[in-house]
């Protein structure tokens, strides 16, 4: 697919597989990673949503604070306190901040 993504938490590997792209909110702003991306290390903000595409479709993860590293060989490692898979971006947003999402919907 292009990128080899691994999401690590203190409880183990939350995801490991090939993806074609990913998007996540970092300290300097949202970032998109595609194959061939330059080497990068960044801080992932608390309550971020990781959006990624696999051969089977879009996958979403709710993330707590952590870090992302993009290596020259299209290896991407995300290390966070917690990562939970979700069916949609809205669901991922509600996992770690359900009250905030409910207020936005009203």
PDB file of N, CA and C in Angstrom:
ATOM      1  N   UNK A   1       0.830  -1.203   0.000  1.00  0.00           N
ATOM      2  CA  UNK A   1       0.000   0.000   0.000  1.00  0.00           C
ATOM      3  C   UNK A   1       0.864   1.252   0.000  1.00  0.00           C
ATOM      4  N   UNK A   2       2.013   1.231   0.594  1.00  0.00           N
ATOM      5  CA  UNK A   2       2.842   2.424   0.582  1.00  0.00           C
ATOM      6  C   UNK A   2       3.470   2.763   1.908  1.00  0.00           C
ATOM      7  N   UNK A   3       2.671   2.853   2.974  1.00  0.00           N
ATOM      8  CA  UNK A   3       3.183   3.161   4.305  1.00  0.00           C
ATOM      9  C   UNK A   3       3.006   1.943   5.203  1.00  0.00           C
ATOM     10  N   UNK A   4       3.961   1.723   6.078  1.00  0.00           N
ATOM     11  CA  UNK A   4       3.878   0.632   7.040  1.00  0.00           C
ATOM     12  C   UNK A   4       3.647   1.269   8.407  1.00  0.00           C
ATOM     13  N   UNK A   5       2.415   1.206   8.895  1.00  0.00           N
ATOM     14  CA  UNK A   5       2.005   1.886  10.118  1.00  0.00           C
ATOM     15  C   UNK A   5       1.993   0.928  11.301  1.00  0.00           C
ATOM     16  N   UNK A   6       2.514   1.412  12.414  1.00  0.00           N
ATOM     17  CA  UNK A   6       2.442   0.681  13.668  1.00  0.00           C
ATOM     18  C   UNK A   6       2.005   1.669  14.750  1.00  0.00           C
ATOM     19  N   UNK A   7       0.944   1.314  15.484  1.00  0.00           N
ATOM     20  CA  UNK A   7       0.461   2.123  16.605  1.00  0.00           C
ATOM     21  C   UNK A   7       0.738   1.353  17.883  1.00  0.00           C
ATOM     22  N   UNK A   8       1.577   1.933  18.740  1.00  0.00           N
ATOM     23  CA  UNK A   8       1.985   1.274  19.976  1.00  0.00           C
ATOM     24  C   UNK A   8       1.421   2.001  21.190  1.00  0.00           C
ATOM     25  N   UNK A   9       0.973   1.220  22.174  1.00  0.00           N
ATOM     26  CA  UNK A   9       0.503   1.749  23.450  1.00  0.00           C
ATOM     27  C   UNK A   9       1.200   0.967  24.561  1.00  0.00           C
ATOM     28  N   UNK A  10       1.092   1.412  25.804  1.00  0.00           N
ATOM     29  CA  UNK A  10       1.672   0.641  26.901  1.00  0.00           C
ATOM     30  C   UNK A  10       1.092  -0.777  27.007  1.00  0.00           C
ATOM     31  N   UNK A  11      -0.101  -0.979  26.460  1.00  0.00           N
ATOM     32  CA  UNK A  11      -0.759  -2.294  26.501  1.00  0.00           C
ATOM     33  C   UNK A  11      -0.424  -3.176  25.306  1.00  0.00           C
ATOM     34  N   UNK A  12       0.404  -2.682  24.393  1.00  0.00           N
ATOM     35  CA  UNK A  12       0.778  -3.483  23.229  1.00  0.00           C
ATOM     36  C   UNK A  12       0.504  -2.757  21.919  1.00  0.00           C
ATOM     37  N   UNK A  13       0.510  -3.520  20.841  1.00  0.00           N
ATOM     38  CA  UNK A  13       0.304  -2.971  19.503  1.00  0.00           C
ATOM     39  C   UNK A  13      -1.187  -2.851  19.221  1.00  0.00           C
ATOM     40  N   UNK A  14      -1.655  -1.627  18.959  1.00  0.00           N
ATOM     41  CA  UNK A  14      -3.064  -1.384  18.648  1.00  0.00           C
ATOM     42  C   UNK A  14      -3.350  -1.615  17.167  1.00  0.00           C
ATOM     43  N   UNK A  15      -2.346  -1.420  16.321  1.00  0.00           N
ATOM     44  CA  UNK A  15      -2.501  -1.636  14.877  1.00  0.00           C
ATOM     45  C   UNK A  15      -1.125  -1.826  14.261  1.00  0.00           C
ATOM     46  N   UNK A  16      -1.056  -2.717  13.300  1.00  0.00           N
ATOM     47  CA  UNK A  16       0.161  -2.899  12.521  1.00  0.00           C
ATOM     48  C   UNK A  16      -0.269  -3.362  11.142  1.00  0.00           C
ATOM     49  N   UNK A  17       0.079  -2.561  10.129  1.00  0.00           N
ATOM     50  CA  UNK A  17      -0.314  -2.930   8.784  1.00  0.00           C
ATOM     51  C   UNK A  17       0.044  -1.869   7.773  1.00  0.00           C
ATOM     52  N   UNK A  18      -0.270  -2.166   6.526  1.00  0.00           N
ATOM     53  CA  UNK A  18       0.008  -1.250   5.420  1.00  0.00           C
ATOM     54  C   UNK A  18      -1.169  -0.321   5.193  1.00  0.00           C
ATOM     55  N   UNK A  19      -0.853   0.951   4.982  1.00  0.00           N
ATOM     56  CA  UNK A  19      -1.862   1.969   4.694  1.00  0.00           C
ATOM     57  C   UNK A  19      -1.374   2.821   3.527  1.00  0.00           C
ATOM     58  N   UNK A  20      -2.300   3.498   2.872  1.00  0.00           N
ATOM     59  CA  UNK A  20      -1.907   4.348   1.744  1.00  0.00           C
ATOM     60  C   UNK A  20      -1.733   5.803   2.147  1.00  0.00           C
ATOM     61  N   UNK A  21      -2.347   6.206   3.262  1.00  0.00           N
ATOM     62  CA  UNK A  21      -2.267   7.587   3.736  1.00  0.00           C
ATOM     63  C   UNK A  21      -2.739   7.637   5.172  1.00  0.00           C
ATOM     64  N   UNK A  22      -2.355   8.717   5.866  1.00  0.00           N
ATOM     65  CA  UNK A  22      -2.901   8.930   7.200  1.00  0.00           C
ATOM     66  C   UNK A  22      -2.900  10.410   7.521  1.00  0.00           C
ATOM     67  N   UNK A  23      -3.829  10.788   8.385  1.00  0.00           N
ATOM     68  CA  UNK A  23      -3.983  12.173   8.815  1.00  0.00           C
ATOM     69  C   UNK A  23      -4.147  12.184  10.329  1.00  0.00           C
ATOM     70  N   UNK A  24      -3.443  13.119  11.001  1.00  0.00           N
ATOM     71  CA  UNK A  24      -3.534  13.225  12.452  1.00  0.00           C
ATOM     72  C   UNK A  24      -3.237  14.666  12.865  1.00  0.00           C
ATOM     73  N   UNK A  25      -3.755  15.064  14.023  1.00  0.00           N
ATOM     74  CA  UNK A  25      -3.569  16.420  14.543  1.00  0.00           C
ATOM     75  C   UNK A  25      -2.336  16.450  15.429  1.00  0.00           C
ATOM     76  N   UNK A  26      -1.360  17.235  15.023  1.00  0.00           N
ATOM     77  CA  UNK A  26      -0.110  17.370  15.780  1.00  0.00           C
ATOM     78  C   UNK A  26      -0.016  18.768  16.382  1.00  0.00           C
ATOM     79  N   UNK A  27       1.003  18.983  17.184  1.00  0.00           N
ATOM     80  CA  UNK A  27       1.184  20.266  17.870  1.00  0.00           C
ATOM     81  C   UNK A  27       1.230  21.442  16.899  1.00  0.00           C
ATOM     82  N   UNK A  28       1.884  21.301  15.763  1.00  0.00           N
ATOM     83  CA  UNK A  28       1.977  22.383  14.788  1.00  0.00           C
ATOM     84  C   UNK A  28       0.781  22.498  13.862  1.00  0.00           C
ATOM     85  N   UNK A  29      -0.195  21.608  14.002  1.00  0.00           N
ATOM     86  CA  UNK A  29      -1.376  21.603  13.153  1.00  0.00           C
ATOM     87  C   UNK A  29      -1.591  20.223  12.562  1.00  0.00           C
ATOM     88  N   UNK A  30      -2.680  20.050  11.808  1.00  0.00           N
ATOM     89  CA  UNK A  30      -2.946  18.735  11.216  1.00  0.00           C
ATOM     90  C   UNK A  30      -1.884  18.395  10.173  1.00  0.00           C
ATOM     91  N   UNK A  31      -1.593  17.106  10.050  1.00  0.00           N
ATOM     92  CA  UNK A  31      -0.588  16.675   9.092  1.00  0.00           C
ATOM     93  C   UNK A  31      -1.103  15.458   8.335  1.00  0.00           C
ATOM     94  N   UNK A  32      -0.786  15.413   7.062  1.00  0.00           N
ATOM     95  CA  UNK A  32      -1.087  14.257   6.225  1.00  0.00           C
ATOM     96  C   UNK A  32       0.218  13.581   5.845  1.00  0.00           C
ATOM     97  N   UNK A  33       0.248  12.272   5.930  1.00  0.00           N
ATOM     98  CA  UNK A  33       1.436  11.495   5.600  1.00  0.00           C
ATOM     99  C   UNK A  33       1.088  10.594   4.416  1.00  0.00           C
ATOM    100  N   UNK A  34       1.917  10.636   3.388  1.00  0.00           N
ATOM    101  CA  UNK A  34       1.748   9.816   2.197  1.00  0.00           C
ATOM    102  C   UNK A  34       3.076   9.113   1.909  1.00  0.00           C
ATOM    103  N   UNK A  35       3.073   8.068   1.090  1.00  0.00           N
ATOM    104  CA  UNK A  35       4.337   7.414   0.749  1.00  0.00           C
ATOM    105  C   UNK A  35       5.354   8.421   0.223  1.00  0.00           C
ATOM    106  N   UNK A  36       6.603   8.255   0.649  1.00  0.00           N
ATOM    107  CA  UNK A  36       7.664   9.164   0.235  1.00  0.00           C
ATOM    108  C   UNK A  36       7.791  10.399   1.104  1.00  0.00           C
ATOM    109  N   UNK A  37       7.003  10.481   2.172  1.00  0.00           N
ATOM    110  CA  UNK A  37       7.047  11.648   3.063  1.00  0.00           C
ATOM    111  C   UNK A  37       8.452  11.792   3.655  1.00  0.00           C
ATOM    112  N   UNK A  38       8.876  13.013   3.853  1.00  0.00           N
ATOM    113  CA  UNK A  38      10.171  13.278   4.468  1.00  0.00           C
ATOM    114  C   UNK A  38      10.193  12.783   5.914  1.00  0.00           C
ATOM    115  N   UNK A  39      11.363  12.516   6.439  1.00  0.00           N
ATOM    116  CA  UNK A  39      11.512  12.111   7.829  1.00  0.00           C
ATOM    117  C   UNK A  39      10.877  13.175   8.720  1.00  0.00           C
ATOM    118  N   UNK A  40      10.154  12.723   9.737  1.00  0.00           N
ATOM    119  CA  UNK A  40       9.388  13.653  10.560  1.00  0.00           C
ATOM    120  C   UNK A  40       9.196  13.071  11.950  1.00  0.00           C
ATOM    121  N   UNK A  41       9.288  13.909  12.960  1.00  0.00           N
ATOM    122  CA  UNK A  41       8.926  13.549  14.336  1.00  0.00           C
ATOM    123  C   UNK A  41       8.022  14.651  14.859  1.00  0.00           C
ATOM    124  N   UNK A  42       6.888  14.276  15.413  1.00  0.00           N
ATOM    125  CA  UNK A  42       5.951  15.274  15.904  1.00  0.00           C
ATOM    126  C   UNK A  42       5.213  14.821  17.143  1.00  0.00           C
ATOM    127  N   UNK A  43       4.593  15.783  17.800  1.00  0.00           N
ATOM    128  CA  UNK A  43       3.810  15.530  19.011  1.00  0.00           C
ATOM    129  C   UNK A  43       2.338  15.448  18.639  1.00  0.00           C
ATOM    130  N   UNK A  44       1.707  14.342  18.968  1.00  0.00           N
ATOM    131  CA  UNK A  44       0.277  14.174  18.732  1.00  0.00           C
ATOM    132  C   UNK A  44      -0.474  14.762  19.918  1.00  0.00           C
ATOM    133  N   UNK A  45      -1.465  15.593  19.617  1.00  0.00           N
ATOM    134  CA  UNK A  45      -2.227  16.252  20.669  1.00  0.00           C
ATOM    135  C   UNK A  45      -3.226  15.311  21.324  1.00  0.00           C
ATOM    136  N   UNK A  46      -3.551  15.612  22.558  1.00  0.00           N
ATOM    137  CA  UNK A  46      -4.555  14.856  23.320  1.00  0.00           C
ATOM    138  C   UNK A  46      -5.872  14.843  22.553  1.00  0.00           C
ATOM    139  N   UNK A  47      -6.573  13.740  22.584  1.00  0.00           N
ATOM    140  CA  UNK A  47      -7.886  13.555  21.934  1.00  0.00           C
ATOM    141  C   UNK A  47      -7.818  13.803  20.437  1.00  0.00           C
ATOM    142  N   UNK A  48      -6.804  13.275  19.784  1.00  0.00           N
ATOM    143  CA  UNK A  48      -6.695  13.383  18.334  1.00  0.00           C
ATOM    144  C   UNK A  48      -7.372  12.191  17.678  1.00  0.00           C
ATOM    145  N   UNK A  49      -7.746  12.392  16.425  1.00  0.00           N
ATOM    146  CA  UNK A  49      -8.297  11.307  15.621  1.00  0.00           C
ATOM    147  C   UNK A  49      -7.301  11.003  14.515  1.00  0.00           C
ATOM    148  N   UNK A  50      -6.949   9.747  14.389  1.00  0.00           N
ATOM    149  CA  UNK A  50      -6.105   9.293  13.298  1.00  0.00           C
ATOM    150  C   UNK A  50      -7.022   8.732  12.231  1.00  0.00           C
ATOM    151  N   UNK A  51      -6.928   9.269  11.021  1.00  0.00           N
ATOM    152  CA  UNK A  51      -7.682   8.752   9.888  1.00  0.00           C
ATOM    153  C   UNK A  51      -6.681   8.105   8.948  1.00  0.00           C
ATOM    154  N   UNK A  52      -6.940   6.880   8.559  1.00  0.00           N
ATOM    155  CA  UNK A  52      -6.032   6.192   7.663  1.00  0.00           C
ATOM    156  C   UNK A  52      -6.810   5.327   6.694  1.00  0.00           C
ATOM    157  N   UNK A  53      -6.204   5.037   5.556  1.00  0.00           N
ATOM    158  CA  UNK A  53      -6.869   4.231   4.533  1.00  0.00           C
ATOM    159  C   UNK A  53      -6.057   2.971   4.288  1.00  0.00           C
ATOM    160  N   UNK A  54      -6.751   1.831   4.337  1.00  0.00           N
ATOM    161  CA  UNK A  54      -6.148   0.546   4.006  1.00  0.00           C
ATOM    162  C   UNK A  54      -6.798   0.030   2.729  1.00  0.00           C
ATOM    163  N   UNK A  55      -6.372  -1.128   2.277  1.00  0.00           N
ATOM    164  CA  UNK A  55      -6.987  -1.716   1.087  1.00  0.00           C
ATOM    165  C   UNK A  55      -8.448  -2.076   1.341  1.00  0.00           C
ATOM    166  N   UNK A  56      -8.829  -2.185   2.613  1.00  0.00           N
ATOM    167  CA  UNK A  56     -10.197  -2.534   2.974  1.00  0.00           C
ATOM    168  C   UNK A  56     -11.072  -1.312   3.256  1.00  0.00           C
ATOM    169  N   UNK A  57     -10.496  -0.125   3.253  1.00  0.00           N
ATOM    170  CA  UNK A  57     -11.272   1.088   3.487  1.00  0.00           C
ATOM    171  C   UNK A  57     -10.678   1.972   4.561  1.00  0.00           C
ATOM    172  N   UNK A  58     -11.469   2.967   4.964  1.00  0.00           N
ATOM    173  CA  UNK A  58     -11.035   3.956   5.954  1.00  0.00           C
ATOM    174  C   UNK A  58     -11.087   3.365   7.360  1.00  0.00           C
ATOM    175  N   UNK A  59     -10.068   3.667   8.181  1.00  0.00           N
ATOM    176  CA  UNK A  59     -10.051   3.262   9.583  1.00  0.00           C
ATOM    177  C   UNK A  59      -9.792   4.509  10.427  1.00  0.00           C
ATOM    178  N   UNK A  60     -10.469   4.599  11.561  1.00  0.00           N
ATOM    179  CA  UNK A  60     -10.318   5.720  12.479  1.00  0.00           C
ATOM    180  C   UNK A  60      -9.841   5.203  13.827  1.00  0.00           C
ATOM    181  N   UNK A  61      -8.980   5.997  14.488  1.00  0.00           N
ATOM    182  CA  UNK A  61      -8.535   5.687  15.830  1.00  0.00           C
ATOM    183  C   UNK A  61      -8.635   6.939  16.680  1.00  0.00           C
ATOM    184  N   UNK A  62      -9.154   6.788  17.888  1.00  0.00           N
ATOM    185  CA  UNK A  62      -9.094   7.850  18.885  1.00  0.00           C
ATOM    186  C   UNK A  62      -7.766   7.684  19.609  1.00  0.00           C
ATOM    187  N   UNK A  63      -7.001   8.766  19.713  1.00  0.00           N
ATOM    188  CA  UNK A  63      -5.677   8.706  20.315  1.00  0.00           C
ATOM    189  C   UNK A  63      -5.579   9.656  21.503  1.00  0.00           C
ATOM    190  N   UNK A  64      -4.812   9.242  22.499  1.00  0.00           N
ATOM    191  CA  UNK A  64      -4.434  10.155  23.554  1.00  0.00           C
ATOM    192  C   UNK A  64      -3.092  10.769  23.161  1.00  0.00           C
ATOM    193  N   UNK A  65      -2.562  11.612  24.011  1.00  0.00           N
ATOM    194  CA  UNK A  65      -1.310  12.317  23.747  1.00  0.00           C
ATOM    195  C   UNK A  65      -0.191  11.334  23.423  1.00  0.00           C
ATOM    196  N   UNK A  66       0.682  11.716  22.473  1.00  0.00           N
ATOM    197  CA  UNK A  66       1.796  10.837  22.116  1.00  0.00           C
ATOM    198  C   UNK A  66       2.701  11.446  21.075  1.00  0.00           C
ATOM    199  N   UNK A  67       3.343  10.580  20.292  1.00  0.00           N
ATOM    200  CA  UNK A  67       4.314  11.028  19.295  1.00  0.00           C
ATOM    201  C   UNK A  67       4.146  10.229  18.015  1.00  0.00           C
ATOM    202  N   UNK A  68       4.591  10.837  16.914  1.00  0.00           N
ATOM    203  CA  UNK A  68       4.601  10.177  15.609  1.00  0.00           C
ATOM    204  C   UNK A  68       5.996  10.330  15.028  1.00  0.00           C
ATOM    205  N   UNK A  69       6.473   9.261  14.411  1.00  0.00           N
ATOM    206  CA  UNK A  69       7.759   9.301  13.720  1.00  0.00           C
ATOM    207  C   UNK A  69       7.579   8.693  12.338  1.00  0.00           C
ATOM    208  N   UNK A  70       8.022   9.443  11.323  1.00  0.00           N
ATOM    209  CA  UNK A  70       8.034   8.948   9.950  1.00  0.00           C
ATOM    210  C   UNK A  70       9.486   8.705   9.583  1.00  0.00           C
ATOM    211  N   UNK A  71       9.789   7.473   9.221  1.00  0.00           N
ATOM    212  CA  UNK A  71      11.160   7.100   8.867  1.00  0.00           C
ATOM    213  C   UNK A  71      11.320   7.121   7.350  1.00  0.00           C
ATOM    214  N   UNK A  72      12.552   7.200   6.852  1.00  0.00           N
ATOM    215  CA  UNK A  72      12.785   7.320   5.409  1.00  0.00           C
ATOM    216  C   UNK A  72      12.235   6.172   4.574  1.00  0.00           C
ATOM    217  N   UNK A  73      12.089   4.994   5.136  1.00  0.00           N
ATOM    218  CA  UNK A  73      11.626   3.836   4.367  1.00  0.00           C
ATOM    219  C   UNK A  73      10.111   3.638   4.438  1.00  0.00           C
ATOM    220  N   UNK A  74       9.365   4.733   4.608  1.00  0.00           N
ATOM    221  CA  UNK A  74       7.904   4.728   4.696  1.00  0.00           C
ATOM    222  C   UNK A  74       7.373   3.964   5.908  1.00  0.00           C
ATOM    223  N   UNK A  75       8.193   3.845   6.939  1.00  0.00           N
ATOM    224  CA  UNK A  75       7.752   3.284   8.214  1.00  0.00           C
ATOM    225  C   UNK A  75       7.209   4.433   9.056  1.00  0.00           C
ATOM    226  N   UNK A  76       6.004   4.259   9.607  1.00  0.00           N
ATOM    227  CA  UNK A  76       5.402   5.269  10.473  1.00  0.00           C
ATOM    228  C   UNK A  76       5.090   4.615  11.806  1.00  0.00           C
ATOM    229  N   UNK A  77       5.613   5.196  12.874  1.00  0.00           N
ATOM    230  CA  UNK A  77       5.364   4.678  14.208  1.00  0.00           C
ATOM    231  C   UNK A  77       4.648   5.746  15.023  1.00  0.00           C
ATOM    232  N   UNK A  78       3.541   5.343  15.614  1.00  0.00           N
ATOM    233  CA  UNK A  78       2.784   6.219  16.499  1.00  0.00           C
ATOM    234  C   UNK A  78       2.812   5.590  17.880  1.00  0.00           C
ATOM    235  N   UNK A  79       3.246   6.359  18.873  1.00  0.00           N
ATOM    236  CA  UNK A  79       3.312   5.887  20.252  1.00  0.00           C
ATOM    237  C   UNK A  79       2.412   6.788  21.082  1.00  0.00           C
ATOM    238  N   UNK A  80       1.372   6.199  21.663  1.00  0.00           N
ATOM    239  CA  UNK A  80       0.394   6.964  22.438  1.00  0.00           C
ATOM    240  C   UNK A  80       0.033   6.209  23.710  1.00  0.00           C
ATOM    241  N   UNK A  81      -0.573   6.922  24.647  1.00  0.00           N
ATOM    242  CA  UNK A  81      -1.018   6.295  25.881  1.00  0.00           C
ATOM    243  C   UNK A  81      -2.139   5.308  25.647  1.00  0.00           C
ATOM    244  N   UNK A  82      -3.022   5.646  24.699  1.00  0.00           N
ATOM    245  CA  UNK A  82      -4.155   4.780  24.403  1.00  0.00           C
ATOM    246  C   UNK A  82      -4.621   5.032  22.973  1.00  0.00           C
ATOM    247  N   UNK A  83      -5.040   3.975  22.293  1.00  0.00           N
ATOM    248  CA  UNK A  83      -5.581   4.067  20.933  1.00  0.00           C
ATOM    249  C   UNK A  83      -6.775   3.129  20.840  1.00  0.00           C
ATOM    250  N   UNK A  84      -7.913   3.680  20.407  1.00  0.00           N
ATOM    251  CA  UNK A  84      -9.122   2.862  20.279  1.00  0.00           C
ATOM    252  C   UNK A  84      -9.684   3.038  18.871  1.00  0.00           C
ATOM    253  N   UNK A  85      -9.937   1.922  18.210  1.00  0.00           N
ATOM    254  CA  UNK A  85     -10.489   1.958  16.858  1.00  0.00           C
ATOM    255  C   UNK A  85     -11.949   2.382  16.909  1.00  0.00           C
ATOM    256  N   UNK A  86     -12.373   3.121  15.880  1.00  0.00           N
ATOM    257  CA  UNK A  86     -13.747   3.605  15.795  1.00  0.00           C
ATOM    258  C   UNK A  86     -14.277   3.398  14.373  1.00  0.00           C
ATOM    259  N   UNK A  87     -15.588   3.448  14.232  1.00  0.00           N
ATOM    260  CA  UNK A  87     -16.218   3.248  12.926  1.00  0.00           C
ATOM    261  C   UNK A  87     -16.296   4.533  12.104  1.00  0.00           C
ATOM    262  N   UNK A  88     -16.208   5.683  12.788  1.00  0.00           N
ATOM    263  CA  UNK A  88     -16.300   6.968  12.095  1.00  0.00           C
ATOM    264  C   UNK A  88     -15.473   8.004  12.839  1.00  0.00           C
ATOM    265  N   UNK A  89     -15.277   9.145  12.200  1.00  0.00           N
ATOM    266  CA  UNK A  89     -14.552  10.229  12.855  1.00  0.00           C
ATOM    267  C   UNK A  89     -15.329  10.741  14.067  1.00  0.00           C
ATOM    268  N   UNK A  90     -16.644  10.842  13.937  1.00  0.00           N
ATOM    269  CA  UNK A  90     -17.476  11.319  15.044  1.00  0.00           C
ATOM    270  C   UNK A  90     -17.388  10.379  16.243  1.00  0.00           C
ATOM    271  N   UNK A  91     -17.418   9.069  15.967  1.00  0.00           N
ATOM    272  CA  UNK A  91     -17.297   8.104  17.060  1.00  0.00           C
ATOM    273  C   UNK A  91     -15.929   8.214  17.731  1.00  0.00           C
ATOM    274  N   UNK A  92     -14.877   8.363  16.928  1.00  0.00           N
ATOM    275  CA  UNK A  92     -13.524   8.498  17.484  1.00  0.00           C
ATOM    276  C   UNK A  92     -13.425   9.737  18.364  1.00  0.00           C
ATOM    277  N   UNK A  93     -14.014  10.847  17.929  1.00  0.00           N
ATOM    278  CA  UNK A  93     -13.995  12.070  18.727  1.00  0.00           C
ATOM    279  C   UNK A  93     -14.702  11.884  20.063  1.00  0.00           C
ATOM    280  N   UNK A  94     -15.756  11.098  20.076  1.00  0.00           N
ATOM    281  CA  UNK A  94     -16.556  10.935  21.294  1.00  0.00           C
ATOM    282  C   UNK A  94     -15.933   9.972  22.297  1.00  0.00           C
ATOM    283  N   UNK A  95     -14.966   9.182  21.900  1.00  0.00           N
ATOM    284  CA  UNK A  95     -14.399   8.176  22.802  1.00  0.00           C
ATOM    285  C   UNK A  95     -13.732   8.811  24.017  1.00  0.00           C
ATOM    286  N   UNK A  96     -12.907   9.823  23.808  1.00  0.00           N
ATOM    287  CA  UNK A  96     -12.187  10.430  24.920  1.00  0.00           C
ATOM    288  C   UNK A  96     -12.789  11.746  25.387  1.00  0.00           C
ATOM    289  N   UNK A  97     -13.796  12.266  24.692  1.00  0.00           N
ATOM    290  CA  UNK A  97     -14.433  13.522  25.091  1.00  0.00           C
ATOM    291  C   UNK A  97     -15.920  13.489  24.734  1.00  0.00           C
ATOM    292  N   UNK A  98     -16.689  12.542  25.296  1.00  0.00           N
ATOM    293  CA  UNK A  98     -18.092  12.406  24.885  1.00  0.00           C
ATOM    294  C   UNK A  98     -18.941  13.638  25.158  1.00  0.00           C
ATOM    295  N   UNK A  99     -18.668  14.358  26.253  1.00  0.00           N
ATOM    296  CA  UNK A  99     -19.486  15.533  26.578  1.00  0.00           C
ATOM    297  C   UNK A  99     -19.302  16.631  25.545  1.00  0.00           C
ATOM    298  N   UNK A 100     -18.075  16.849  25.086  1.00  0.00           N
ATOM    299  CA  UNK A 100     -17.798  17.891  24.100  1.00  0.00           C
ATOM    300  C   UNK A 100     -18.504  17.600  22.789  1.00  0.00           C
ATOM    301  N   UNK A 101     -18.511  16.365  22.353  1.00  0.00           N
ATOM    302  CA  UNK A 101     -19.165  15.996  21.095  1.00  0.00           C
ATOM    303  C   UNK A 101     -20.663  16.165  21.218  1.00  0.00           C
ATOM    304  N   UNK A 102     -21.250  15.772  22.362  1.00  0.00           N
ATOM    305  CA  UNK A 102     -22.676  15.947  22.559  1.00  0.00           C
ATOM    306  C   UNK A 102     -23.071  17.409  22.484  1.00  0.00           C
ATOM    307  N   UNK A 103     -22.266  18.321  23.051  1.00  0.00           N
ATOM    308  CA  UNK A 103     -22.544  19.751  22.996  1.00  0.00           C
ATOM    309  C   UNK A 103     -22.476  20.267  21.572  1.00  0.00           C
ATOM    310  N   UNK A 104     -21.507  19.806  20.783  1.00  0.00           N
ATOM    311  CA  UNK A 104     -21.372  20.237  19.388  1.00  0.00           C
ATOM    312  C   UNK A 104     -22.562  19.779  18.551  1.00  0.00           C
ATOM    313  N   UNK A 105     -23.108  18.591  18.837  1.00  0.00           N
ATOM    314  CA  UNK A 105     -24.246  18.073  18.092  1.00  0.00           C
ATOM    315  C   UNK A 105     -25.491  18.890  18.377  1.00  0.00           C
ATOM    316  N   UNK A 106     -25.649  19.368  19.629  1.00  0.00           N
ATOM    317  CA  UNK A 106     -26.831  20.173  20.010  1.00  0.00           C
ATOM    318  C   UNK A 106     -26.728  21.504  19.328  1.00  0.00           C
TER     319      UNK A 106
END
